[in-house]
Amino acid sequence: MKKNKISNTWLQERKRDPFFKLSKVQGFRSRSAYKLLEMNQKFNFLKNNLSLLDLGSSPGGWSQVVRSKINQGKILAIDIKSMESIPNVDFIKGDFSEAKIYRKIEYYFKSKADVVLSDMAANTTGNKRHDSYKTGELCINAMNMSKKILSQNGVFLSKLFMGSVFSEINAIALKNFKKVVKYKPLSSKKESREIYIICKGVLNI
């Protein structure tokens, strides 16, 4: 299929997507904002006075949701892409896995963060198995970093795709967190293999 035909199909699908339309009406920068709103309604992890890290934040849909739920507290967003500023959300452009960026994260929170969110996904190549694995790697890296900076009852939430690396991610989560839940928001596209893992309570191992 030619590239322009793929682009036209993608545009038509977005126009029919109710969550995409709603995001434009309500001012969210991405339809994924509704996934976070739904998960918070179910698991209630966004509260006032929290310290929160938003990984892979650009274009800022999740940071917008977080800002609306946390009136006080500290919010740090990080992405390798630029992100238009959001009031009372601090932003660092860079790769969270790099040592210099990690040091900035540590310095920002000083003590510990209460929540780490990750809606990161690898750039798609068309090879679903490869894309699933690369996104899984991002999830594992974010989880490993979260273990170091989260408070004892902290929450880690991350996107992943069902695939070969899913069992590995689940095993790592069960080893390092007291409670682990997998959840697929209603706002996720039905055909998508996307799922979210919600972990709470860091185990001291």
N, C-alpha and C. Protein backbone atom coordinates (compact mmCIF):
# COMPACT_ATOMS: atom_id res chain seq x y z
N MET A 1 0.84 -1.20 0.00
CA MET A 1 0.00 0.00 0.00
C MET A 1 0.88 1.25 0.00
N LYS A 2 0.53 2.21 -0.81
CA LYS A 2 1.32 3.42 -0.90
C LYS A 2 1.19 4.26 0.37
N LYS A 3 2.26 5.02 0.65
CA LYS A 3 2.32 5.81 1.87
C LYS A 3 1.17 6.79 1.99
N ASN A 4 0.83 7.47 0.89
CA ASN A 4 -0.24 8.46 0.97
C ASN A 4 -1.59 7.81 1.23
N LYS A 5 -1.77 6.57 0.75
CA LYS A 5 -3.02 5.85 1.00
C LYS A 5 -3.11 5.47 2.47
N ILE A 6 -1.97 5.04 3.05
CA ILE A 6 -1.93 4.72 4.48
C ILE A 6 -2.26 5.96 5.30
N SER A 7 -1.66 7.10 4.94
CA SER A 7 -1.89 8.34 5.66
C SER A 7 -3.36 8.75 5.60
N ASN A 8 -3.97 8.62 4.43
CA ASN A 8 -5.38 8.97 4.28
C ASN A 8 -6.27 8.07 5.13
N THR A 9 -5.96 6.78 5.17
CA THR A 9 -6.72 5.84 5.99
C THR A 9 -6.60 6.20 7.46
N TRP A 10 -5.37 6.52 7.89
CA TRP A 10 -5.11 6.90 9.28
C TRP A 10 -5.89 8.15 9.66
N LEU A 11 -5.92 9.13 8.76
CA LEU A 11 -6.65 10.37 9.02
C LEU A 11 -8.15 10.11 9.14
N GLN A 12 -8.69 9.26 8.28
CA GLN A 12 -10.11 8.95 8.33
C GLN A 12 -10.47 8.24 9.63
N GLU A 13 -9.58 7.33 10.09
CA GLU A 13 -9.83 6.63 11.35
C GLU A 13 -9.85 7.60 12.52
N ARG A 14 -8.95 8.57 12.51
CA ARG A 14 -8.89 9.55 13.59
C ARG A 14 -10.15 10.42 13.61
N LYS A 15 -10.64 10.74 12.45
CA LYS A 15 -11.85 11.56 12.38
C LYS A 15 -13.06 10.82 12.94
N ARG A 16 -13.05 9.49 12.85
CA ARG A 16 -14.16 8.69 13.37
C ARG A 16 -13.98 8.34 14.84
N ASP A 17 -12.79 8.58 15.38
CA ASP A 17 -12.46 8.20 16.76
C ASP A 17 -13.11 9.17 17.75
N PRO A 18 -14.07 8.70 18.57
CA PRO A 18 -14.76 9.61 19.50
C PRO A 18 -13.84 10.22 20.55
N PHE A 19 -12.81 9.49 20.97
CA PHE A 19 -11.90 10.02 21.98
C PHE A 19 -10.98 11.08 21.39
N PHE A 20 -10.64 10.92 20.12
CA PHE A 20 -9.84 11.94 19.45
C PHE A 20 -10.65 13.23 19.33
N LYS A 21 -11.92 13.08 18.94
CA LYS A 21 -12.80 14.25 18.82
C LYS A 21 -12.99 14.93 20.17
N LEU A 22 -13.20 14.12 21.22
CA LEU A 22 -13.42 14.65 22.55
C LEU A 22 -12.20 15.40 23.08
N SER A 23 -11.01 14.88 22.76
CA SER A 23 -9.78 15.53 23.21
C SER A 23 -9.65 16.93 22.62
N LYS A 24 -10.11 17.10 21.38
CA LYS A 24 -10.05 18.41 20.74
C LYS A 24 -11.04 19.37 21.39
N VAL A 25 -12.21 18.86 21.74
CA VAL A 25 -13.24 19.69 22.37
C VAL A 25 -12.81 20.11 23.77
N GLN A 26 -12.25 19.17 24.54
CA GLN A 26 -11.91 19.43 25.93
C GLN A 26 -10.50 19.98 26.12
N GLY A 27 -9.75 20.09 25.04
CA GLY A 27 -8.45 20.73 25.13
C GLY A 27 -7.29 19.85 25.54
N PHE A 28 -7.47 18.53 25.53
CA PHE A 28 -6.36 17.64 25.82
C PHE A 28 -5.48 17.48 24.58
N ARG A 29 -4.20 17.37 24.79
CA ARG A 29 -3.26 17.30 23.66
C ARG A 29 -3.22 15.92 23.02
N SER A 30 -3.78 14.93 23.66
CA SER A 30 -3.79 13.57 23.09
C SER A 30 -4.99 12.81 23.61
N ARG A 31 -5.47 11.84 22.81
CA ARG A 31 -6.60 11.01 23.21
C ARG A 31 -6.22 10.11 24.39
N SER A 32 -4.92 9.87 24.58
CA SER A 32 -4.48 9.00 25.67
C SER A 32 -4.79 9.59 27.04
N ALA A 33 -5.13 10.88 27.09
CA ALA A 33 -5.53 11.50 28.35
C ALA A 33 -6.70 10.74 28.97
N TYR A 34 -7.59 10.22 28.13
CA TYR A 34 -8.78 9.53 28.64
C TYR A 34 -8.43 8.16 29.23
N LYS A 35 -7.35 7.58 28.76
CA LYS A 35 -6.89 6.32 29.36
C LYS A 35 -6.46 6.56 30.80
N LEU A 36 -5.70 7.63 31.01
CA LEU A 36 -5.23 7.94 32.35
C LEU A 36 -6.39 8.34 33.26
N LEU A 37 -7.32 9.13 32.75
CA LEU A 37 -8.49 9.51 33.53
C LEU A 37 -9.28 8.28 33.96
N GLU A 38 -9.45 7.33 33.06
CA GLU A 38 -10.19 6.10 33.36
C GLU A 38 -9.47 5.26 34.40
N MET A 39 -8.15 5.11 34.23
CA MET A 39 -7.38 4.30 35.18
C MET A 39 -7.34 4.93 36.56
N ASN A 40 -7.28 6.26 36.61
CA ASN A 40 -7.29 6.93 37.91
C ASN A 40 -8.65 6.79 38.58
N GLN A 41 -9.72 6.83 37.80
CA GLN A 41 -11.05 6.66 38.36
C GLN A 41 -11.20 5.28 38.98
N LYS A 42 -10.55 4.29 38.37
CA LYS A 42 -10.66 2.92 38.86
C LYS A 42 -9.71 2.65 40.02
N PHE A 43 -8.48 3.17 39.94
CA PHE A 43 -7.46 2.82 40.93
C PHE A 43 -7.09 3.97 41.89
N ASN A 44 -7.53 5.17 41.59
CA ASN A 44 -7.41 6.32 42.50
C ASN A 44 -5.98 6.54 43.02
N PHE A 45 -5.05 6.80 42.11
CA PHE A 45 -3.66 7.01 42.49
C PHE A 45 -3.19 8.45 42.34
N LEU A 46 -4.01 9.32 41.75
CA LEU A 46 -3.66 10.73 41.60
C LEU A 46 -4.36 11.54 42.68
N LYS A 47 -3.58 12.03 43.63
CA LYS A 47 -4.13 12.78 44.76
C LYS A 47 -3.32 14.04 44.99
N ASN A 48 -3.89 14.95 45.75
CA ASN A 48 -3.22 16.21 46.01
C ASN A 48 -1.92 16.00 46.79
N ASN A 49 -0.98 16.93 46.59
CA ASN A 49 0.30 16.94 47.31
C ASN A 49 1.27 15.83 46.91
N LEU A 50 1.01 15.17 45.82
CA LEU A 50 1.91 14.09 45.38
C LEU A 50 3.12 14.65 44.63
N SER A 51 4.18 13.85 44.63
CA SER A 51 5.33 14.09 43.76
C SER A 51 5.25 13.06 42.64
N LEU A 52 5.24 13.51 41.39
CA LEU A 52 4.97 12.60 40.27
C LEU A 52 5.94 12.83 39.12
N LEU A 53 6.35 11.73 38.50
CA LEU A 53 7.22 11.74 37.33
C LEU A 53 6.46 11.18 36.14
N ASP A 54 6.41 11.95 35.05
CA ASP A 54 5.72 11.55 33.82
C ASP A 54 6.77 11.30 32.75
N LEU A 55 7.02 10.03 32.45
CA LEU A 55 8.03 9.64 31.46
C LEU A 55 7.40 9.54 30.07
N GLY A 56 8.12 10.04 29.07
CA GLY A 56 7.58 10.02 27.71
C GLY A 56 6.37 10.93 27.60
N SER A 57 6.49 12.11 28.16
CA SER A 57 5.34 12.99 28.39
C SER A 57 4.78 13.67 27.14
N SER A 58 5.61 13.95 26.16
CA SER A 58 5.18 14.71 24.98
C SER A 58 4.08 13.96 24.21
N PRO A 59 3.02 14.62 23.76
CA PRO A 59 2.82 16.08 23.69
C PRO A 59 2.29 16.72 24.97
N GLY A 60 1.94 15.91 25.98
CA GLY A 60 1.55 16.48 27.26
C GLY A 60 0.17 16.12 27.75
N GLY A 61 -0.51 15.20 27.09
CA GLY A 61 -1.87 14.83 27.50
C GLY A 61 -1.95 14.30 28.92
N TRP A 62 -1.00 13.42 29.28
CA TRP A 62 -1.01 12.87 30.63
C TRP A 62 -0.63 13.93 31.66
N SER A 63 0.32 14.79 31.32
CA SER A 63 0.71 15.85 32.24
C SER A 63 -0.46 16.81 32.50
N GLN A 64 -1.28 17.03 31.48
CA GLN A 64 -2.47 17.87 31.66
C GLN A 64 -3.43 17.24 32.67
N VAL A 65 -3.65 15.94 32.54
CA VAL A 65 -4.53 15.22 33.47
C VAL A 65 -3.97 15.29 34.89
N VAL A 66 -2.68 15.01 35.01
CA VAL A 66 -2.03 15.03 36.32
C VAL A 66 -2.16 16.41 36.96
N ARG A 67 -1.92 17.45 36.19
CA ARG A 67 -2.00 18.81 36.72
C ARG A 67 -3.41 19.13 37.22
N SER A 68 -4.42 18.59 36.54
CA SER A 68 -5.80 18.85 36.95
C SER A 68 -6.17 18.11 38.23
N LYS A 69 -5.43 17.06 38.57
CA LYS A 69 -5.73 16.25 39.76
C LYS A 69 -4.85 16.61 40.95
N ILE A 70 -3.66 17.14 40.68
CA ILE A 70 -2.73 17.47 41.76
C ILE A 70 -2.61 18.99 41.84
N ASN A 71 -3.33 19.58 42.76
CA ASN A 71 -3.32 21.04 42.89
C ASN A 71 -2.03 21.54 43.53
N GLN A 72 -1.48 20.74 44.40
CA GLN A 72 -0.20 21.04 45.01
C GLN A 72 0.67 19.82 44.83
N GLY A 73 1.96 19.96 45.07
CA GLY A 73 2.87 18.85 44.86
C GLY A 73 3.88 19.19 43.79
N LYS A 74 4.62 18.18 43.34
CA LYS A 74 5.66 18.39 42.34
C LYS A 74 5.43 17.47 41.16
N ILE A 75 5.46 18.03 39.96
CA ILE A 75 5.25 17.24 38.74
C ILE A 75 6.42 17.50 37.80
N LEU A 76 7.10 16.42 37.42
CA LEU A 76 8.21 16.50 36.47
C LEU A 76 7.90 15.65 35.26
N ALA A 77 7.96 16.26 34.09
CA ALA A 77 7.73 15.55 32.82
C ALA A 77 9.05 15.44 32.07
N ILE A 78 9.26 14.28 31.45
CA ILE A 78 10.51 14.04 30.71
C ILE A 78 10.20 13.38 29.38
N ASP A 79 10.89 13.86 28.33
CA ASP A 79 10.75 13.24 27.01
C ASP A 79 11.95 13.63 26.15
N ILE A 80 12.27 12.76 25.21
CA ILE A 80 13.35 13.09 24.27
C ILE A 80 12.87 14.10 23.24
N LYS A 81 11.52 14.25 23.13
CA LYS A 81 10.94 15.25 22.25
C LYS A 81 10.59 16.51 23.06
N SER A 82 10.49 17.63 22.37
CA SER A 82 10.08 18.86 23.04
C SER A 82 8.61 18.77 23.44
N MET A 83 8.25 19.53 24.47
CA MET A 83 6.86 19.58 24.91
C MET A 83 6.49 21.02 25.25
N GLU A 84 5.40 21.48 24.70
CA GLU A 84 4.92 22.82 25.01
C GLU A 84 4.62 22.90 26.50
N SER A 85 4.96 24.01 27.12
CA SER A 85 4.88 24.14 28.57
C SER A 85 3.44 24.02 29.07
N ILE A 86 3.33 23.49 30.29
CA ILE A 86 2.06 23.37 31.01
C ILE A 86 2.26 24.04 32.36
N PRO A 87 1.36 24.92 32.78
CA PRO A 87 1.53 25.61 34.06
C PRO A 87 1.76 24.63 35.23
N ASN A 88 2.78 24.92 36.03
CA ASN A 88 3.10 24.13 37.22
C ASN A 88 3.55 22.70 36.92
N VAL A 89 3.99 22.46 35.71
CA VAL A 89 4.63 21.19 35.34
C VAL A 89 6.03 21.52 34.86
N ASP A 90 7.03 20.94 35.51
CA ASP A 90 8.42 21.14 35.10
C ASP A 90 8.78 20.11 34.04
N PHE A 91 9.61 20.51 33.09
CA PHE A 91 9.94 19.63 31.97
C PHE A 91 11.44 19.56 31.74
N ILE A 92 11.92 18.34 31.49
CA ILE A 92 13.32 18.11 31.11
C ILE A 92 13.32 17.37 29.78
N LYS A 93 14.02 17.92 28.81
CA LYS A 93 14.15 17.25 27.52
C LYS A 93 15.37 16.34 27.58
N GLY A 94 15.16 15.04 27.38
CA GLY A 94 16.27 14.10 27.42
C GLY A 94 15.79 12.68 27.62
N ASP A 95 16.73 11.75 27.64
CA ASP A 95 16.48 10.32 27.81
C ASP A 95 16.64 9.96 29.29
N PHE A 96 15.56 9.50 29.91
CA PHE A 96 15.58 9.24 31.34
C PHE A 96 16.61 8.16 31.73
N SER A 97 16.99 7.32 30.76
CA SER A 97 17.93 6.24 31.05
C SER A 97 19.39 6.72 31.08
N GLU A 98 19.64 7.94 30.64
CA GLU A 98 20.99 8.48 30.68
C GLU A 98 21.31 8.94 32.10
N ALA A 99 22.56 8.73 32.50
CA ALA A 99 22.98 9.03 33.87
C ALA A 99 22.77 10.49 34.24
N LYS A 100 23.05 11.40 33.31
CA LYS A 100 22.92 12.83 33.63
C LYS A 100 21.46 13.23 33.84
N ILE A 101 20.54 12.60 33.10
CA ILE A 101 19.11 12.89 33.27
C ILE A 101 18.61 12.28 34.57
N TYR A 102 19.09 11.08 34.88
CA TYR A 102 18.68 10.44 36.14
C TYR A 102 19.12 11.27 37.34
N ARG A 103 20.31 11.84 37.26
CA ARG A 103 20.79 12.69 38.36
C ARG A 103 19.88 13.92 38.52
N LYS A 104 19.40 14.45 37.41
CA LYS A 104 18.48 15.59 37.47
C LYS A 104 17.16 15.19 38.12
N ILE A 105 16.71 13.97 37.82
CA ILE A 105 15.47 13.46 38.43
C ILE A 105 15.64 13.33 39.94
N GLU A 106 16.76 12.75 40.35
CA GLU A 106 17.04 12.60 41.79
C GLU A 106 17.09 13.95 42.48
N TYR A 107 17.75 14.90 41.86
CA TYR A 107 17.90 16.23 42.45
C TYR A 107 16.54 16.92 42.55
N TYR A 108 15.70 16.72 41.55
CA TYR A 108 14.38 17.38 41.52
C TYR A 108 13.51 16.91 42.68
N PHE A 109 13.46 15.60 42.90
CA PHE A 109 12.57 15.07 43.94
C PHE A 109 13.22 15.09 45.32
N LYS A 110 14.52 15.20 45.38
CA LYS A 110 15.26 15.28 46.63
C LYS A 110 15.09 14.01 47.48
N SER A 111 13.86 13.70 47.85
CA SER A 111 13.63 12.49 48.64
C SER A 111 13.11 11.37 47.74
N LYS A 112 11.79 11.23 47.67
CA LYS A 112 11.21 10.17 46.86
C LYS A 112 9.98 10.68 46.09
N ALA A 113 9.69 10.03 44.97
CA ALA A 113 8.47 10.33 44.21
C ALA A 113 7.36 9.38 44.67
N ASP A 114 6.12 9.83 44.53
CA ASP A 114 4.98 9.00 44.92
C ASP A 114 4.42 8.19 43.76
N VAL A 115 4.54 8.74 42.55
CA VAL A 115 3.98 8.08 41.36
C VAL A 115 4.94 8.26 40.19
N VAL A 116 5.12 7.18 39.43
CA VAL A 116 5.86 7.26 38.16
C VAL A 116 4.94 6.73 37.07
N LEU A 117 4.70 7.55 36.06
CA LEU A 117 3.86 7.17 34.93
C LEU A 117 4.71 7.03 33.68
N SER A 118 4.36 6.06 32.84
CA SER A 118 5.05 5.91 31.56
C SER A 118 4.07 5.49 30.48
N ASP A 119 3.88 6.37 29.51
CA ASP A 119 3.05 6.04 28.35
C ASP A 119 3.95 5.90 27.12
N MET A 120 5.21 5.55 27.37
CA MET A 120 6.18 5.45 26.29
C MET A 120 5.92 4.25 25.39
N ALA A 121 6.18 4.43 24.11
CA ALA A 121 6.12 3.34 23.14
C ALA A 121 7.22 3.55 22.12
N ALA A 122 7.82 2.47 21.69
CA ALA A 122 8.87 2.56 20.68
C ALA A 122 8.28 2.99 19.34
N ASN A 123 9.07 3.64 18.53
CA ASN A 123 8.64 4.00 17.19
C ASN A 123 8.27 2.74 16.41
N THR A 124 7.13 2.76 15.75
CA THR A 124 6.67 1.57 15.05
C THR A 124 7.45 1.33 13.76
N THR A 125 7.70 0.05 13.49
CA THR A 125 8.43 -0.34 12.29
C THR A 125 7.55 -1.14 11.33
N GLY A 126 6.37 -1.55 11.82
CA GLY A 126 5.51 -2.42 11.02
C GLY A 126 5.63 -3.87 11.44
N ASN A 127 6.71 -4.18 12.17
CA ASN A 127 6.92 -5.52 12.71
C ASN A 127 6.37 -5.53 14.14
N LYS A 128 5.18 -6.08 14.32
CA LYS A 128 4.50 -6.00 15.62
C LYS A 128 5.29 -6.67 16.73
N ARG A 129 5.94 -7.79 16.41
CA ARG A 129 6.71 -8.49 17.43
C ARG A 129 7.90 -7.65 17.89
N HIS A 130 8.58 -7.05 16.93
CA HIS A 130 9.72 -6.19 17.25
C HIS A 130 9.28 -4.96 18.04
N ASP A 131 8.19 -4.33 17.59
CA ASP A 131 7.70 -3.12 18.26
C ASP A 131 7.27 -3.43 19.70
N SER A 132 6.61 -4.59 19.88
CA SER A 132 6.18 -5.01 21.21
C SER A 132 7.38 -5.20 22.12
N TYR A 133 8.43 -5.81 21.60
CA TYR A 133 9.64 -6.07 22.39
C TYR A 133 10.32 -4.76 22.79
N LYS A 134 10.45 -3.84 21.84
CA LYS A 134 11.14 -2.57 22.12
C LYS A 134 10.35 -1.73 23.14
N THR A 135 9.03 -1.73 23.03
CA THR A 135 8.22 -1.02 24.01
C THR A 135 8.32 -1.70 25.37
N GLY A 136 8.40 -3.02 25.36
CA GLY A 136 8.60 -3.77 26.60
C GLY A 136 9.91 -3.41 27.28
N GLU A 137 10.95 -3.20 26.50
CA GLU A 137 12.24 -2.78 27.05
C GLU A 137 12.12 -1.43 27.74
N LEU A 138 11.38 -0.52 27.13
CA LEU A 138 11.16 0.80 27.74
C LEU A 138 10.45 0.65 29.08
N CYS A 139 9.46 -0.24 29.12
CA CYS A 139 8.72 -0.49 30.35
C CYS A 139 9.65 -1.03 31.44
N ILE A 140 10.49 -1.99 31.08
CA ILE A 140 11.42 -2.58 32.05
C ILE A 140 12.40 -1.54 32.57
N ASN A 141 12.94 -0.73 31.68
CA ASN A 141 13.88 0.32 32.09
C ASN A 141 13.20 1.33 33.03
N ALA A 142 11.96 1.69 32.71
CA ALA A 142 11.22 2.62 33.57
C ALA A 142 10.92 2.00 34.93
N MET A 143 10.59 0.71 34.92
CA MET A 143 10.29 0.02 36.17
C MET A 143 11.53 -0.07 37.05
N ASN A 144 12.67 -0.40 36.45
CA ASN A 144 13.92 -0.50 37.21
C ASN A 144 14.30 0.84 37.82
N MET A 145 14.10 1.91 37.07
CA MET A 145 14.39 3.24 37.60
C MET A 145 13.42 3.61 38.71
N SER A 146 12.15 3.22 38.53
CA SER A 146 11.12 3.56 39.51
C SER A 146 11.41 2.94 40.88
N LYS A 147 11.95 1.73 40.88
CA LYS A 147 12.27 1.07 42.14
C LYS A 147 13.22 1.90 43.00
N LYS A 148 14.04 2.70 42.35
CA LYS A 148 15.04 3.50 43.06
C LYS A 148 14.47 4.80 43.61
N ILE A 149 13.49 5.37 42.93
CA ILE A 149 13.02 6.70 43.33
C ILE A 149 11.64 6.73 43.96
N LEU A 150 10.91 5.61 43.91
CA LEU A 150 9.56 5.60 44.48
C LEU A 150 9.59 5.46 46.00
N SER A 151 8.62 6.09 46.64
CA SER A 151 8.42 5.92 48.08
C SER A 151 7.92 4.50 48.34
N GLN A 152 7.89 4.10 49.59
CA GLN A 152 7.55 2.72 49.95
C GLN A 152 6.19 2.28 49.42
N ASN A 153 5.23 3.20 49.44
CA ASN A 153 3.88 2.87 48.95
C ASN A 153 3.62 3.49 47.57
N GLY A 154 4.69 3.77 46.85
CA GLY A 154 4.58 4.42 45.56
C GLY A 154 3.90 3.57 44.49
N VAL A 155 3.49 4.25 43.42
CA VAL A 155 2.78 3.60 42.31
C VAL A 155 3.57 3.77 41.02
N PHE A 156 3.71 2.66 40.29
CA PHE A 156 4.32 2.69 38.96
C PHE A 156 3.28 2.20 37.97
N LEU A 157 3.03 2.99 36.91
CA LEU A 157 2.05 2.63 35.89
C LEU A 157 2.72 2.78 34.53
N SER A 158 2.62 1.76 33.70
CA SER A 158 3.30 1.80 32.41
C SER A 158 2.52 1.08 31.32
N LYS A 159 2.67 1.60 30.12
CA LYS A 159 2.14 0.94 28.93
C LYS A 159 3.05 -0.21 28.52
N LEU A 160 2.47 -1.27 27.99
CA LEU A 160 3.22 -2.32 27.31
C LEU A 160 2.30 -2.96 26.29
N PHE A 161 2.85 -3.80 25.47
CA PHE A 161 2.06 -4.52 24.47
C PHE A 161 2.17 -6.01 24.72
N MET A 162 1.06 -6.70 24.59
CA MET A 162 1.07 -8.15 24.75
C MET A 162 2.01 -8.75 23.71
N GLY A 163 2.91 -9.60 24.18
CA GLY A 163 3.89 -10.19 23.28
C GLY A 163 4.90 -11.01 24.06
N SER A 164 6.02 -11.30 23.42
CA SER A 164 7.01 -12.21 23.99
C SER A 164 7.62 -11.70 25.29
N VAL A 165 7.68 -10.37 25.46
CA VAL A 165 8.33 -9.80 26.64
C VAL A 165 7.35 -9.60 27.81
N PHE A 166 6.06 -9.86 27.59
CA PHE A 166 5.06 -9.61 28.62
C PHE A 166 5.33 -10.42 29.88
N SER A 167 5.61 -11.72 29.72
CA SER A 167 5.83 -12.58 30.89
C SER A 167 7.04 -12.13 31.70
N GLU A 168 8.07 -11.62 31.01
CA GLU A 168 9.26 -11.12 31.69
C GLU A 168 8.93 -9.88 32.52
N ILE A 169 8.16 -8.97 31.93
CA ILE A 169 7.76 -7.76 32.65
C ILE A 169 6.92 -8.12 33.87
N ASN A 170 5.98 -9.03 33.69
CA ASN A 170 5.12 -9.45 34.80
C ASN A 170 5.94 -10.06 35.93
N ALA A 171 6.92 -10.87 35.59
CA ALA A 171 7.77 -11.52 36.60
C ALA A 171 8.58 -10.48 37.38
N ILE A 172 9.13 -9.50 36.67
CA ILE A 172 9.91 -8.44 37.32
C ILE A 172 9.01 -7.63 38.25
N ALA A 173 7.82 -7.34 37.80
CA ALA A 173 6.88 -6.56 38.62
C ALA A 173 6.50 -7.31 39.89
N LEU A 174 6.18 -8.58 39.78
CA LEU A 174 5.79 -9.38 40.95
C LEU A 174 6.94 -9.53 41.94
N LYS A 175 8.14 -9.48 41.44
CA LYS A 175 9.31 -9.61 42.30
C LYS A 175 9.59 -8.33 43.07
N ASN A 176 9.18 -7.19 42.52
CA ASN A 176 9.58 -5.90 43.09
C ASN A 176 8.45 -5.07 43.68
N PHE A 177 7.18 -5.48 43.46
CA PHE A 177 6.07 -4.69 43.97
C PHE A 177 5.08 -5.59 44.72
N LYS A 178 4.41 -5.01 45.72
CA LYS A 178 3.48 -5.76 46.55
C LYS A 178 2.21 -6.12 45.78
N LYS A 179 1.76 -5.21 44.94
CA LYS A 179 0.52 -5.43 44.20
C LYS A 179 0.72 -5.11 42.73
N VAL A 180 0.30 -6.02 41.86
CA VAL A 180 0.46 -5.84 40.41
C VAL A 180 -0.86 -6.16 39.72
N VAL A 181 -1.34 -5.19 38.92
CA VAL A 181 -2.59 -5.37 38.19
C VAL A 181 -2.37 -5.01 36.73
N LYS A 182 -2.98 -5.77 35.83
CA LYS A 182 -2.96 -5.44 34.41
C LYS A 182 -4.35 -4.95 34.01
N TYR A 183 -4.36 -3.90 33.17
CA TYR A 183 -5.65 -3.29 32.84
C TYR A 183 -5.62 -2.71 31.43
N LYS A 184 -6.72 -2.94 30.71
CA LYS A 184 -6.87 -2.36 29.37
C LYS A 184 -8.02 -1.35 29.42
N PRO A 185 -7.72 -0.06 29.31
CA PRO A 185 -8.78 0.96 29.36
C PRO A 185 -9.78 0.80 28.22
N LEU A 186 -11.01 1.19 28.48
CA LEU A 186 -12.04 1.15 27.45
C LEU A 186 -11.70 2.08 26.30
N SER A 187 -10.93 3.13 26.60
CA SER A 187 -10.55 4.09 25.56
C SER A 187 -9.41 3.60 24.68
N SER A 188 -8.79 2.47 25.05
CA SER A 188 -7.81 1.85 24.14
C SER A 188 -8.55 1.25 22.96
N LYS A 189 -7.95 1.33 21.80
CA LYS A 189 -8.60 0.77 20.61
C LYS A 189 -8.70 -0.75 20.74
N LYS A 190 -9.84 -1.29 20.35
CA LYS A 190 -10.11 -2.71 20.53
C LYS A 190 -9.07 -3.58 19.84
N GLU A 191 -8.62 -3.13 18.66
CA GLU A 191 -7.67 -3.94 17.91
C GLU A 191 -6.24 -3.84 18.43
N SER A 192 -6.02 -2.91 19.34
CA SER A 192 -4.67 -2.69 19.87
C SER A 192 -4.30 -3.76 20.90
N ARG A 193 -3.02 -4.17 20.90
CA ARG A 193 -2.51 -5.12 21.89
C ARG A 193 -2.01 -4.39 23.13
N GLU A 194 -2.28 -3.11 23.17
CA GLU A 194 -1.86 -2.27 24.28
C GLU A 194 -2.54 -2.67 25.59
N ILE A 195 -1.75 -2.66 26.67
CA ILE A 195 -2.27 -2.92 28.01
C ILE A 195 -1.42 -2.12 28.98
N TYR A 196 -1.94 -1.88 30.16
CA TYR A 196 -1.18 -1.14 31.17
C TYR A 196 -0.95 -2.01 32.40
N ILE A 197 0.20 -1.84 33.01
CA ILE A 197 0.52 -2.54 34.24
C ILE A 197 0.59 -1.50 35.36
N ILE A 198 -0.13 -1.76 36.44
CA ILE A 198 -0.17 -0.86 37.59
C ILE A 198 0.43 -1.58 38.78
N CYS A 199 1.51 -1.04 39.33
CA CYS A 199 2.23 -1.67 40.43
C CYS A 199 2.21 -0.73 41.63
N LYS A 200 2.01 -1.29 42.82
CA LYS A 200 1.98 -0.46 44.03
C LYS A 200 2.75 -1.12 45.15
N GLY A 201 3.51 -0.31 45.89
CA GLY A 201 4.23 -0.79 47.05
C GLY A 201 5.53 -1.45 46.69
N VAL A 202 6.65 -0.74 46.90
CA VAL A 202 7.97 -1.27 46.53
C VAL A 202 8.43 -2.28 47.58
N LEU A 203 8.82 -3.45 47.12
CA LEU A 203 9.36 -4.47 48.01
C LEU A 203 10.83 -4.24 48.26
N ASN A 204 11.26 -4.34 49.49
CA ASN A 204 12.67 -4.18 49.81
C ASN A 204 13.38 -5.52 49.66
N ILE A 205 14.01 -5.72 48.50
CA ILE A 205 14.66 -7.01 48.24
C ILE A 205 16.16 -6.81 47.99
